[in-house]
């Protein structure tokens, strides 16, 4: 995903503090967040002129699904860091626009 450089600290906090990811920086403009199951999300930082605006992310950006054990609790934590819950026609899942403008959909983790 891409984000303006000004949103990176908030995104880092979200991935590390809310989702429990570890972080690595293989390049100066890329930070990779690793979830407990080994899946990864990379965030490329861009200048404000090159980054999509939040409305562009909501309308035409790639939306990312993240599976969590407690969608309601995770959603509350996202709202606590400034994410905005979006109203959608999908009543089974919660969607949040997070710092930087990206849209996340929370889904229940499958039980193993």
PDB file of N, CA and C in Angstrom:
ATOM      1  N   UNK A   1       0.834  -1.155   0.000  1.00  0.00           N
ATOM      2  CA  UNK A   1       0.000   0.000   0.000  1.00  0.00           C
ATOM      3  C   UNK A   1       0.888   1.230   0.000  1.00  0.00           C
ATOM      4  N   UNK A   2       0.333   2.368  -0.348  1.00  0.00           N
ATOM      5  CA  UNK A   2       1.086   3.615  -0.344  1.00  0.00           C
ATOM      6  C   UNK A   2       0.450   4.585   0.638  1.00  0.00           C
ATOM      7  N   UNK A   3       1.271   5.490   1.137  1.00  0.00           N
ATOM      8  CA  UNK A   3       0.789   6.496   2.079  1.00  0.00           C
ATOM      9  C   UNK A   3       1.728   7.691   2.024  1.00  0.00           C
ATOM     10  N   UNK A   4       1.200   8.869   2.337  1.00  0.00           N
ATOM     11  CA  UNK A   4       2.110  10.007   2.454  1.00  0.00           C
ATOM     12  C   UNK A   4       3.049   9.787   3.635  1.00  0.00           C
ATOM     13  N   UNK A   5       4.267  10.276   3.515  1.00  0.00           N
ATOM     14  CA  UNK A   5       5.256  10.083   4.580  1.00  0.00           C
ATOM     15  C   UNK A   5       4.731  10.600   5.917  1.00  0.00           C
ATOM     16  N   UNK A   6       3.891  11.620   5.891  1.00  0.00           N
ATOM     17  CA  UNK A   6       3.363  12.197   7.133  1.00  0.00           C
ATOM     18  C   UNK A   6       2.449  11.236   7.889  1.00  0.00           C
ATOM     19  N   UNK A   7       1.944  10.196   7.240  1.00  0.00           N
ATOM     20  CA  UNK A   7       1.046   9.232   7.888  1.00  0.00           C
ATOM     21  C   UNK A   7       1.785   8.010   8.427  1.00  0.00           C
ATOM     22  N   UNK A   8       3.078   7.887   8.158  1.00  0.00           N
ATOM     23  CA  UNK A   8       3.788   6.660   8.506  1.00  0.00           C
ATOM     24  C   UNK A   8       3.811   6.390  10.009  1.00  0.00           C
ATOM     25  N   UNK A   9       4.018   7.401  10.831  1.00  0.00           N
ATOM     26  CA  UNK A   9       4.067   7.165  12.286  1.00  0.00           C
ATOM     27  C   UNK A   9       2.729   6.618  12.790  1.00  0.00           C
ATOM     28  N   UNK A  10       1.622   7.173  12.301  1.00  0.00           N
ATOM     29  CA  UNK A  10       0.300   6.687  12.713  1.00  0.00           C
ATOM     30  C   UNK A  10       0.053   5.277  12.190  1.00  0.00           C
ATOM     31  N   UNK A  11       0.478   4.993  10.975  1.00  0.00           N
ATOM     32  CA  UNK A  11       0.318   3.636  10.431  1.00  0.00           C
ATOM     33  C   UNK A  11       1.184   2.641  11.194  1.00  0.00           C
ATOM     34  N   UNK A  12       2.390   3.044  11.532  1.00  0.00           N
ATOM     35  CA  UNK A  12       3.270   2.168  12.323  1.00  0.00           C
ATOM     36  C   UNK A  12       2.606   1.844  13.658  1.00  0.00           C
ATOM     37  N   UNK A  13       2.062   2.859  14.312  1.00  0.00           N
ATOM     38  CA  UNK A  13       1.369   2.638  15.579  1.00  0.00           C
ATOM     39  C   UNK A  13       0.193   1.686  15.386  1.00  0.00           C
ATOM     40  N   UNK A  14      -0.548   1.862  14.315  1.00  0.00           N
ATOM     41  CA  UNK A  14      -1.692   0.996  14.054  1.00  0.00           C
ATOM     42  C   UNK A  14      -1.254  -0.459  13.878  1.00  0.00           C
ATOM     43  N   UNK A  15      -0.303  -0.691  12.994  1.00  0.00           N
ATOM     44  CA  UNK A  15       0.105  -2.067  12.728  1.00  0.00           C
ATOM     45  C   UNK A  15       0.772  -2.717  13.938  1.00  0.00           C
ATOM     46  N   UNK A  16       1.590  -1.976  14.668  1.00  0.00           N
ATOM     47  CA  UNK A  16       2.308  -2.549  15.810  1.00  0.00           C
ATOM     48  C   UNK A  16       1.409  -2.632  17.042  1.00  0.00           C
ATOM     49  N   UNK A  17       0.744  -1.537  17.391  1.00  0.00           N
ATOM     50  CA  UNK A  17      -0.022  -1.492  18.641  1.00  0.00           C
ATOM     51  C   UNK A  17      -1.403  -2.138  18.534  1.00  0.00           C
ATOM     52  N   UNK A  18      -2.075  -1.983  17.406  1.00  0.00           N
ATOM     53  CA  UNK A  18      -3.422  -2.545  17.263  1.00  0.00           C
ATOM     54  C   UNK A  18      -3.372  -3.985  16.762  1.00  0.00           C
ATOM     55  N   UNK A  19      -2.554  -4.248  15.746  1.00  0.00           N
ATOM     56  CA  UNK A  19      -2.528  -5.579  15.135  1.00  0.00           C
ATOM     57  C   UNK A  19      -1.375  -6.459  15.623  1.00  0.00           C
ATOM     58  N   UNK A  20      -0.466  -5.935  16.447  1.00  0.00           N
ATOM     59  CA  UNK A  20       0.612  -6.740  17.011  1.00  0.00           C
ATOM     60  C   UNK A  20       1.682  -7.150  16.020  1.00  0.00           C
ATOM     61  N   UNK A  21       1.841  -6.389  14.968  1.00  0.00           N
ATOM     62  CA  UNK A  21       2.849  -6.710  13.944  1.00  0.00           C
ATOM     63  C   UNK A  21       4.252  -6.348  14.422  1.00  0.00           C
ATOM     64  N   UNK A  22       5.225  -6.991  13.802  1.00  0.00           N
ATOM     65  CA  UNK A  22       6.600  -6.534  13.911  1.00  0.00           C
ATOM     66  C   UNK A  22       6.876  -5.723  12.652  1.00  0.00           C
ATOM     67  N   UNK A  23       7.930  -4.948  12.694  1.00  0.00           N
ATOM     68  CA  UNK A  23       8.218  -4.029  11.599  1.00  0.00           C
ATOM     69  C   UNK A  23       9.650  -4.209  11.128  1.00  0.00           C
ATOM     70  N   UNK A  24       9.836  -4.044   9.814  1.00  0.00           N
ATOM     71  CA  UNK A  24      11.195  -4.025   9.260  1.00  0.00           C
ATOM     72  C   UNK A  24      11.236  -2.997   8.138  1.00  0.00           C
ATOM     73  N   UNK A  25      12.413  -2.415   7.919  1.00  0.00           N
ATOM     74  CA  UNK A  25      12.590  -1.389   6.892  1.00  0.00           C
ATOM     75  C   UNK A  25      13.648  -1.850   5.904  1.00  0.00           C
ATOM     76  N   UNK A  26      13.243  -2.587   4.867  1.00  0.00           N
ATOM     77  CA  UNK A  26      14.230  -3.041   3.892  1.00  0.00           C
ATOM     78  C   UNK A  26      14.764  -1.917   3.005  1.00  0.00           C
ATOM     79  N   UNK A  27      14.013  -0.807   2.910  1.00  0.00           N
ATOM     80  CA  UNK A  27      14.430   0.361   2.131  1.00  0.00           C
ATOM     81  C   UNK A  27      13.941   1.611   2.861  1.00  0.00           C
ATOM     82  N   UNK A  28      14.515   2.744   2.560  1.00  0.00           N
ATOM     83  CA  UNK A  28      14.134   3.966   3.268  1.00  0.00           C
ATOM     84  C   UNK A  28      12.688   4.367   3.006  1.00  0.00           C
ATOM     85  N   UNK A  29      12.132   4.034   1.857  1.00  0.00           N
ATOM     86  CA  UNK A  29      10.749   4.423   1.549  1.00  0.00           C
ATOM     87  C   UNK A  29       9.766   3.263   1.688  1.00  0.00           C
ATOM     88  N   UNK A  30      10.178   2.164   2.310  1.00  0.00           N
ATOM     89  CA  UNK A  30       9.317   0.998   2.491  1.00  0.00           C
ATOM     90  C   UNK A  30       9.441   0.469   3.914  1.00  0.00           C
ATOM     91  N   UNK A  31       8.297   0.324   4.566  1.00  0.00           N
ATOM     92  CA  UNK A  31       8.250  -0.348   5.863  1.00  0.00           C
ATOM     93  C   UNK A  31       7.313  -1.539   5.709  1.00  0.00           C
ATOM     94  N   UNK A  32       7.749  -2.701   6.176  1.00  0.00           N
ATOM     95  CA  UNK A  32       6.967  -3.935   6.059  1.00  0.00           C
ATOM     96  C   UNK A  32       6.522  -4.347   7.457  1.00  0.00           C
ATOM     97  N   UNK A  33       5.224  -4.620   7.577  1.00  0.00           N
ATOM     98  CA  UNK A  33       4.641  -5.041   8.844  1.00  0.00           C
ATOM     99  C   UNK A  33       4.272  -6.509   8.733  1.00  0.00           C
ATOM    100  N   UNK A  34       4.759  -7.309   9.694  1.00  0.00           N
ATOM    101  CA  UNK A  34       4.596  -8.753   9.662  1.00  0.00           C
ATOM    102  C   UNK A  34       3.621  -9.160  10.769  1.00  0.00           C
ATOM    103  N   UNK A  35       2.537  -9.816  10.364  1.00  0.00           N
ATOM    104  CA  UNK A  35       1.530 -10.306  11.301  1.00  0.00           C
ATOM    105  C   UNK A  35       2.005 -11.607  11.930  1.00  0.00           C
ATOM    106  N   UNK A  36       1.358 -12.015  12.997  1.00  0.00           N
ATOM    107  CA  UNK A  36       1.721 -13.229  13.718  1.00  0.00           C
ATOM    108  C   UNK A  36       1.686 -14.481  12.864  1.00  0.00           C
ATOM    109  N   UNK A  37       0.825 -14.513  11.844  1.00  0.00           N
ATOM    110  CA  UNK A  37       0.746 -15.689  10.973  1.00  0.00           C
ATOM    111  C   UNK A  37       1.756 -15.642   9.832  1.00  0.00           C
ATOM    112  N   UNK A  38       2.589 -14.591   9.799  1.00  0.00           N
ATOM    113  CA  UNK A  38       3.605 -14.465   8.763  1.00  0.00           C
ATOM    114  C   UNK A  38       3.177 -13.635   7.563  1.00  0.00           C
ATOM    115  N   UNK A  39       1.898 -13.289   7.463  1.00  0.00           N
ATOM    116  CA  UNK A  39       1.474 -12.446   6.347  1.00  0.00           C
ATOM    117  C   UNK A  39       2.034 -11.039   6.542  1.00  0.00           C
ATOM    118  N   UNK A  40       2.166 -10.313   5.441  1.00  0.00           N
ATOM    119  CA  UNK A  40       2.839  -9.020   5.476  1.00  0.00           C
ATOM    120  C   UNK A  40       2.044  -7.962   4.723  1.00  0.00           C
ATOM    121  N   UNK A  41       2.205  -6.721   5.176  1.00  0.00           N
ATOM    122  CA  UNK A  41       1.715  -5.553   4.465  1.00  0.00           C
ATOM    123  C   UNK A  41       2.885  -4.590   4.363  1.00  0.00           C
ATOM    124  N   UNK A  42       3.182  -4.160   3.162  1.00  0.00           N
ATOM    125  CA  UNK A  42       4.235  -3.175   2.945  1.00  0.00           C
ATOM    126  C   UNK A  42       3.620  -1.809   2.735  1.00  0.00           C
ATOM    127  N   UNK A  43       4.238  -0.798   3.316  1.00  0.00           N
ATOM    128  CA  UNK A  43       3.786   0.578   3.147  1.00  0.00           C
ATOM    129  C   UNK A  43       4.914   1.378   2.506  1.00  0.00           C
ATOM    130  N   UNK A  44       4.680   1.798   1.263  1.00  0.00           N
ATOM    131  CA  UNK A  44       5.606   2.691   0.570  1.00  0.00           C
ATOM    132  C   UNK A  44       5.209   4.120   0.898  1.00  0.00           C
ATOM    133  N   UNK A  45       6.177   4.925   1.318  1.00  0.00           N
ATOM    134  CA  UNK A  45       5.881   6.317   1.613  1.00  0.00           C
ATOM    135  C   UNK A  45       6.156   7.176   0.386  1.00  0.00           C
ATOM    136  N   UNK A  46       5.245   8.108   0.162  1.00  0.00           N
ATOM    137  CA  UNK A  46       5.302   8.995  -0.993  1.00  0.00           C
ATOM    138  C   UNK A  46       5.246  10.445  -0.528  1.00  0.00           C
ATOM    139  N   UNK A  47       5.615  11.338  -1.417  1.00  0.00           N
ATOM    140  CA  UNK A  47       5.430  12.760  -1.126  1.00  0.00           C
ATOM    141  C   UNK A  47       3.937  13.060  -1.134  1.00  0.00           C
ATOM    142  N   UNK A  48       3.499  14.101  -0.444  1.00  0.00           N
ATOM    143  CA  UNK A  48       2.071  14.424  -0.430  1.00  0.00           C
ATOM    144  C   UNK A  48       1.491  14.633  -1.832  1.00  0.00           C
ATOM    145  N   UNK A  49       2.285  15.139  -2.748  1.00  0.00           N
ATOM    146  CA  UNK A  49       1.803  15.364  -4.119  1.00  0.00           C
ATOM    147  C   UNK A  49       1.576  14.069  -4.877  1.00  0.00           C
ATOM    148  N   UNK A  50       2.261  12.996  -4.504  1.00  0.00           N
ATOM    149  CA  UNK A  50       2.142  11.718  -5.202  1.00  0.00           C
ATOM    150  C   UNK A  50       1.168  10.752  -4.542  1.00  0.00           C
ATOM    151  N   UNK A  51       0.844  10.988  -3.277  1.00  0.00           N
ATOM    152  CA  UNK A  51      -0.037  10.077  -2.543  1.00  0.00           C
ATOM    153  C   UNK A  51      -1.498  10.336  -2.892  1.00  0.00           C
ATOM    154  N   UNK A  52      -2.304   9.272  -2.854  1.00  0.00           N
ATOM    155  CA  UNK A  52      -3.744   9.428  -3.049  1.00  0.00           C
ATOM    156  C   UNK A  52      -4.340  10.164  -1.859  1.00  0.00           C
ATOM    157  N   UNK A  53      -5.353  10.950  -2.130  1.00  0.00           N
ATOM    158  CA  UNK A  53      -6.110  11.601  -1.064  1.00  0.00           C
ATOM    159  C   UNK A  53      -7.036  10.561  -0.430  1.00  0.00           C
ATOM    160  N   UNK A  54      -7.443  10.753   0.840  1.00  0.00           N
ATOM    161  CA  UNK A  54      -8.346   9.783   1.472  1.00  0.00           C
ATOM    162  C   UNK A  54      -9.594   9.474   0.642  1.00  0.00           C
ATOM    163  N   UNK A  55     -10.190  10.466   0.033  1.00  0.00           N
ATOM    164  CA  UNK A  55     -11.391  10.217  -0.788  1.00  0.00           C
ATOM    165  C   UNK A  55     -11.068   9.318  -1.979  1.00  0.00           C
ATOM    166  N   UNK A  56      -9.871   9.452  -2.538  1.00  0.00           N
ATOM    167  CA  UNK A  56      -9.471   8.580  -3.649  1.00  0.00           C
ATOM    168  C   UNK A  56      -9.296   7.148  -3.170  1.00  0.00           C
ATOM    169  N   UNK A  57      -8.712   6.964  -1.988  1.00  0.00           N
ATOM    170  CA  UNK A  57      -8.581   5.612  -1.431  1.00  0.00           C
ATOM    171  C   UNK A  57      -9.952   4.984  -1.224  1.00  0.00           C
ATOM    172  N   UNK A  58     -10.870   5.757  -0.666  1.00  0.00           N
ATOM    173  CA  UNK A  58     -12.200   5.227  -0.362  1.00  0.00           C
ATOM    174  C   UNK A  58     -12.945   4.845  -1.641  1.00  0.00           C
ATOM    175  N   UNK A  59     -12.810   5.647  -2.659  1.00  0.00           N
ATOM    176  CA  UNK A  59     -13.557   5.438  -3.894  1.00  0.00           C
ATOM    177  C   UNK A  59     -12.876   4.453  -4.845  1.00  0.00           C
ATOM    178  N   UNK A  60     -11.538   4.516  -4.949  1.00  0.00           N
ATOM    179  CA  UNK A  60     -10.877   3.743  -5.999  1.00  0.00           C
ATOM    180  C   UNK A  60      -9.612   3.020  -5.552  1.00  0.00           C
ATOM    181  N   UNK A  61      -9.268   3.090  -4.284  1.00  0.00           N
ATOM    182  CA  UNK A  61      -8.062   2.420  -3.813  1.00  0.00           C
ATOM    183  C   UNK A  61      -8.312   0.945  -3.542  1.00  0.00           C
ATOM    184  N   UNK A  62      -7.248   0.218  -3.327  1.00  0.00           N
ATOM    185  CA  UNK A  62      -7.356  -1.187  -2.955  1.00  0.00           C
ATOM    186  C   UNK A  62      -7.732  -1.271  -1.486  1.00  0.00           C
ATOM    187  N   UNK A  63      -8.768  -2.029  -1.190  1.00  0.00           N
ATOM    188  CA  UNK A  63      -9.183  -2.225   0.192  1.00  0.00           C
ATOM    189  C   UNK A  63      -8.538  -3.514   0.693  1.00  0.00           C
ATOM    190  N   UNK A  64      -8.119  -3.507   1.945  1.00  0.00           N
ATOM    191  CA  UNK A  64      -7.385  -4.636   2.515  1.00  0.00           C
ATOM    192  C   UNK A  64      -8.215  -5.289   3.605  1.00  0.00           C
ATOM    193  N   UNK A  65      -8.359  -6.625   3.533  1.00  0.00           N
ATOM    194  CA  UNK A  65      -9.051  -7.354   4.585  1.00  0.00           C
ATOM    195  C   UNK A  65      -8.025  -7.855   5.590  1.00  0.00           C
ATOM    196  N   UNK A  66      -8.317  -7.622   6.866  1.00  0.00           N
ATOM    197  CA  UNK A  66      -7.473  -8.118   7.947  1.00  0.00           C
ATOM    198  C   UNK A  66      -8.341  -8.979   8.846  1.00  0.00           C
ATOM    199  N   UNK A  67      -7.896 -10.199   9.071  1.00  0.00           N
ATOM    200  CA  UNK A  67      -8.638 -11.138   9.911  1.00  0.00           C
ATOM    201  C   UNK A  67      -8.160 -10.997  11.343  1.00  0.00           C
ATOM    202  N   UNK A  68      -9.119 -10.816  12.249  1.00  0.00           N
ATOM    203  CA  UNK A  68      -8.825 -10.609  13.664  1.00  0.00           C
ATOM    204  C   UNK A  68      -9.751 -11.478  14.501  1.00  0.00           C
ATOM    205  N   UNK A  69      -9.365 -11.743  15.734  1.00  0.00           N
ATOM    206  CA  UNK A  69     -10.202 -12.544  16.632  1.00  0.00           C
ATOM    207  C   UNK A  69     -11.423 -11.773  17.126  1.00  0.00           C
ATOM    208  N   UNK A  70     -11.271 -10.459  17.307  1.00  0.00           N
ATOM    209  CA  UNK A  70     -12.331  -9.632  17.886  1.00  0.00           C
ATOM    210  C   UNK A  70     -12.534  -8.378  17.034  1.00  0.00           C
ATOM    211  N   UNK A  71     -13.351  -8.460  15.971  1.00  0.00           N
ATOM    212  CA  UNK A  71     -13.539  -7.284  15.109  1.00  0.00           C
ATOM    213  C   UNK A  71     -14.070  -6.056  15.846  1.00  0.00           C
ATOM    214  N   UNK A  72     -14.993  -6.240  16.799  1.00  0.00           N
ATOM    215  CA  UNK A  72     -15.543  -5.088  17.514  1.00  0.00           C
ATOM    216  C   UNK A  72     -14.475  -4.409  18.368  1.00  0.00           C
ATOM    217  N   UNK A  73     -13.715  -5.201  19.098  1.00  0.00           N
ATOM    218  CA  UNK A  73     -12.650  -4.645  19.929  1.00  0.00           C
ATOM    219  C   UNK A  73     -11.559  -3.996  19.093  1.00  0.00           C
ATOM    220  N   UNK A  74     -11.203  -4.648  17.987  1.00  0.00           N
ATOM    221  CA  UNK A  74     -10.189  -4.089  17.097  1.00  0.00           C
ATOM    222  C   UNK A  74     -10.693  -2.799  16.474  1.00  0.00           C
ATOM    223  N   UNK A  75     -11.960  -2.777  16.089  1.00  0.00           N
ATOM    224  CA  UNK A  75     -12.540  -1.559  15.526  1.00  0.00           C
ATOM    225  C   UNK A  75     -12.497  -0.408  16.515  1.00  0.00           C
ATOM    226  N   UNK A  76     -12.786  -0.684  17.778  1.00  0.00           N
ATOM    227  CA  UNK A  76     -12.730   0.355  18.804  1.00  0.00           C
ATOM    228  C   UNK A  76     -11.305   0.888  18.953  1.00  0.00           C
ATOM    229  N   UNK A  77     -10.334  -0.009  18.882  1.00  0.00           N
ATOM    230  CA  UNK A  77      -8.931   0.412  18.981  1.00  0.00           C
ATOM    231  C   UNK A  77      -8.528   1.239  17.767  1.00  0.00           C
ATOM    232  N   UNK A  78      -9.034   0.862  16.579  1.00  0.00           N
ATOM    233  CA  UNK A  78      -8.757   1.655  15.382  1.00  0.00           C
ATOM    234  C   UNK A  78      -9.345   3.060  15.515  1.00  0.00           C
ATOM    235  N   UNK A  79     -10.574   3.133  15.999  1.00  0.00           N
ATOM    236  CA  UNK A  79     -11.188   4.444  16.190  1.00  0.00           C
ATOM    237  C   UNK A  79     -10.397   5.263  17.208  1.00  0.00           C
ATOM    238  N   UNK A  80      -9.804   4.596  18.189  1.00  0.00           N
ATOM    239  CA  UNK A  80      -8.991   5.274  19.193  1.00  0.00           C
ATOM    240  C   UNK A  80      -7.738   5.919  18.629  1.00  0.00           C
ATOM    241  N   UNK A  81      -7.256   5.428  17.485  1.00  0.00           N
ATOM    242  CA  UNK A  81      -6.077   6.044  16.863  1.00  0.00           C
ATOM    243  C   UNK A  81      -6.472   6.962  15.707  1.00  0.00           C
ATOM    244  N   UNK A  82      -7.774   7.226  15.569  1.00  0.00           N
ATOM    245  CA  UNK A  82      -8.208   8.182  14.555  1.00  0.00           C
ATOM    246  C   UNK A  82      -8.796   7.597  13.291  1.00  0.00           C
ATOM    247  N   UNK A  83      -8.982   6.269  13.222  1.00  0.00           N
ATOM    248  CA  UNK A  83      -9.619   5.674  12.047  1.00  0.00           C
ATOM    249  C   UNK A  83     -11.099   6.034  12.053  1.00  0.00           C
ATOM    250  N   UNK A  84     -11.665   6.102  10.868  1.00  0.00           N
ATOM    251  CA  UNK A  84     -13.074   6.445  10.726  1.00  0.00           C
ATOM    252  C   UNK A  84     -13.820   5.248  10.169  1.00  0.00           C
ATOM    253  N   UNK A  85     -14.879   4.835  10.868  1.00  0.00           N
ATOM    254  CA  UNK A  85     -15.693   3.718  10.378  1.00  0.00           C
ATOM    255  C   UNK A  85     -16.515   4.201   9.187  1.00  0.00           C
ATOM    256  N   UNK A  86     -16.536   3.390   8.140  1.00  0.00           N
ATOM    257  CA  UNK A  86     -17.273   3.740   6.933  1.00  0.00           C
ATOM    258  C   UNK A  86     -18.602   3.009   6.897  1.00  0.00           C
ATOM    259  N   UNK A  87     -19.609   3.663   6.406  1.00  0.00           N
ATOM    260  CA  UNK A  87     -20.886   3.010   6.172  1.00  0.00           C
ATOM    261  C   UNK A  87     -20.862   2.339   4.815  1.00  0.00           C
ATOM    262  N   UNK A  88     -21.160   1.055   4.774  1.00  0.00           N
ATOM    263  CA  UNK A  88     -21.193   0.314   3.512  1.00  0.00           C
ATOM    264  C   UNK A  88     -22.438  -0.561   3.485  1.00  0.00           C
ATOM    265  N   UNK A  89     -22.716  -1.101   2.322  1.00  0.00           N
ATOM    266  CA  UNK A  89     -23.857  -2.008   2.187  1.00  0.00           C
ATOM    267  C   UNK A  89     -23.582  -3.360   2.849  1.00  0.00           C
ATOM    268  N   UNK A  90     -22.326  -3.688   3.063  1.00  0.00           N
ATOM    269  CA  UNK A  90     -21.925  -4.948   3.700  1.00  0.00           C
ATOM    270  C   UNK A  90     -22.183  -4.851   5.199  1.00  0.00           C
ATOM    271  N   UNK A  91     -23.150  -5.590   5.696  1.00  0.00           N
ATOM    272  CA  UNK A  91     -23.492  -5.547   7.121  1.00  0.00           C
ATOM    273  C   UNK A  91     -22.758  -6.618   7.932  1.00  0.00           C
ATOM    274  N   UNK A  92     -22.003  -7.503   7.263  1.00  0.00           N
ATOM    275  CA  UNK A  92     -21.261  -8.557   7.965  1.00  0.00           C
ATOM    276  C   UNK A  92     -19.894  -8.103   8.450  1.00  0.00           C
ATOM    277  N   UNK A  93     -19.351  -7.065   7.846  1.00  0.00           N
ATOM    278  CA  UNK A  93     -17.988  -6.632   8.148  1.00  0.00           C
ATOM    279  C   UNK A  93     -17.959  -5.146   8.452  1.00  0.00           C
ATOM    280  N   UNK A  94     -16.955  -4.742   9.222  1.00  0.00           N
ATOM    281  CA  UNK A  94     -16.721  -3.331   9.500  1.00  0.00           C
ATOM    282  C   UNK A  94     -15.568  -2.843   8.627  1.00  0.00           C
ATOM    283  N   UNK A  95     -15.727  -1.654   8.085  1.00  0.00           N
ATOM    284  CA  UNK A  95     -14.726  -1.029   7.227  1.00  0.00           C
ATOM    285  C   UNK A  95     -14.254   0.249   7.899  1.00  0.00           C
ATOM    286  N   UNK A  96     -12.941   0.473   7.873  1.00  0.00           N
ATOM    287  CA  UNK A  96     -12.359   1.652   8.511  1.00  0.00           C
ATOM    288  C   UNK A  96     -11.398   2.328   7.553  1.00  0.00           C
ATOM    289  N   UNK A  97     -11.482   3.659   7.498  1.00  0.00           N
ATOM    290  CA  UNK A  97     -10.477   4.428   6.777  1.00  0.00           C
ATOM    291  C   UNK A  97      -9.441   4.843   7.812  1.00  0.00           C
ATOM    292  N   UNK A  98      -8.209   4.422   7.593  1.00  0.00           N
ATOM    293  CA  UNK A  98      -7.147   4.588   8.583  1.00  0.00           C
ATOM    294  C   UNK A  98      -6.246   5.762   8.198  1.00  0.00           C
ATOM    295  N   UNK A  99      -5.361   6.191   9.097  1.00  0.00           N
ATOM    296  CA  UNK A  99      -4.445   7.275   8.753  1.00  0.00           C
ATOM    297  C   UNK A  99      -3.730   6.975   7.434  1.00  0.00           C
ATOM    298  N   UNK A 100      -3.661   7.947   6.591  1.00  0.00           N
ATOM    299  CA  UNK A 100      -3.087   7.754   5.260  1.00  0.00           C
ATOM    300  C   UNK A 100      -4.153   7.517   4.214  1.00  0.00           C
ATOM    301  N   UNK A 101      -5.379   7.194   4.642  1.00  0.00           N
ATOM    302  CA  UNK A 101      -6.500   7.070   3.723  1.00  0.00           C
ATOM    303  C   UNK A 101      -6.905   5.664   3.329  1.00  0.00           C
ATOM    304  N   UNK A 102      -6.076   4.667   3.573  1.00  0.00           N
ATOM    305  CA  UNK A 102      -6.391   3.309   3.166  1.00  0.00           C
ATOM    306  C   UNK A 102      -7.641   2.803   3.883  1.00  0.00           C
ATOM    307  N   UNK A 103      -8.316   1.862   3.231  1.00  0.00           N
ATOM    308  CA  UNK A 103      -9.522   1.278   3.810  1.00  0.00           C
ATOM    309  C   UNK A 103      -9.229  -0.168   4.193  1.00  0.00           C
ATOM    310  N   UNK A 104      -9.553  -0.506   5.443  1.00  0.00           N
ATOM    311  CA  UNK A 104      -9.390  -1.868   5.951  1.00  0.00           C
ATOM    312  C   UNK A 104     -10.763  -2.449   6.227  1.00  0.00           C
ATOM    313  N   UNK A 105     -10.924  -3.724   5.908  1.00  0.00           N
ATOM    314  CA  UNK A 105     -12.127  -4.457   6.271  1.00  0.00           C
ATOM    315  C   UNK A 105     -11.708  -5.460   7.329  1.00  0.00           C
ATOM    316  N   UNK A 106     -12.427  -5.479   8.447  1.00  0.00           N
ATOM    317  CA  UNK A 106     -12.137  -6.448   9.506  1.00  0.00           C
ATOM    318  C   UNK A 106     -13.028  -7.668   9.340  1.00  0.00           C
ATOM    319  N   UNK A 107     -12.420  -8.835   9.388  1.00  0.00           N
ATOM    320  CA  UNK A 107     -13.154 -10.095   9.293  1.00  0.00           C
ATOM    321  C   UNK A 107     -12.684 -10.996  10.428  1.00  0.00           C
ATOM    322  N   UNK A 108     -13.535 -11.916  10.816  1.00  0.00           N
ATOM    323  CA  UNK A 108     -13.216 -12.836  11.905  1.00  0.00           C
ATOM    324  C   UNK A 108     -12.195 -13.857  11.421  1.00  0.00           C
ATOM    325  N   UNK A 109     -11.150 -14.062  12.235  1.00  0.00           N
ATOM    326  CA  UNK A 109     -10.148 -15.077  11.931  1.00  0.00           C
ATOM    327  C   UNK A 109     -10.783 -16.449  11.965  1.00  0.00           C
ATOM    328  N   UNK A 110     -10.425 -17.319  11.016  1.00  0.00           N
ATOM    329  CA  UNK A 110     -10.943 -18.680  11.080  1.00  0.00           C
ATOM    330  C   UNK A 110     -10.346 -19.411  12.277  1.00  0.00           C
ATOM    331  N   UNK A 111     -11.114 -20.235  12.889  1.00  0.00           N
ATOM    332  CA  UNK A 111     -10.623 -21.048  14.021  1.00  0.00           C
ATOM    333  C   UNK A 111      -9.889 -22.254  13.467  1.00  0.00           C
ATOM    334  N   UNK A 112      -8.746 -22.551  14.082  1.00  0.00           N
ATOM    335  CA  UNK A 112      -7.991 -23.718  13.594  1.00  0.00           C
ATOM    336  C   UNK A 112      -8.170 -24.906  14.503  1.00  0.00           C
TER     337      UNK A 112
END
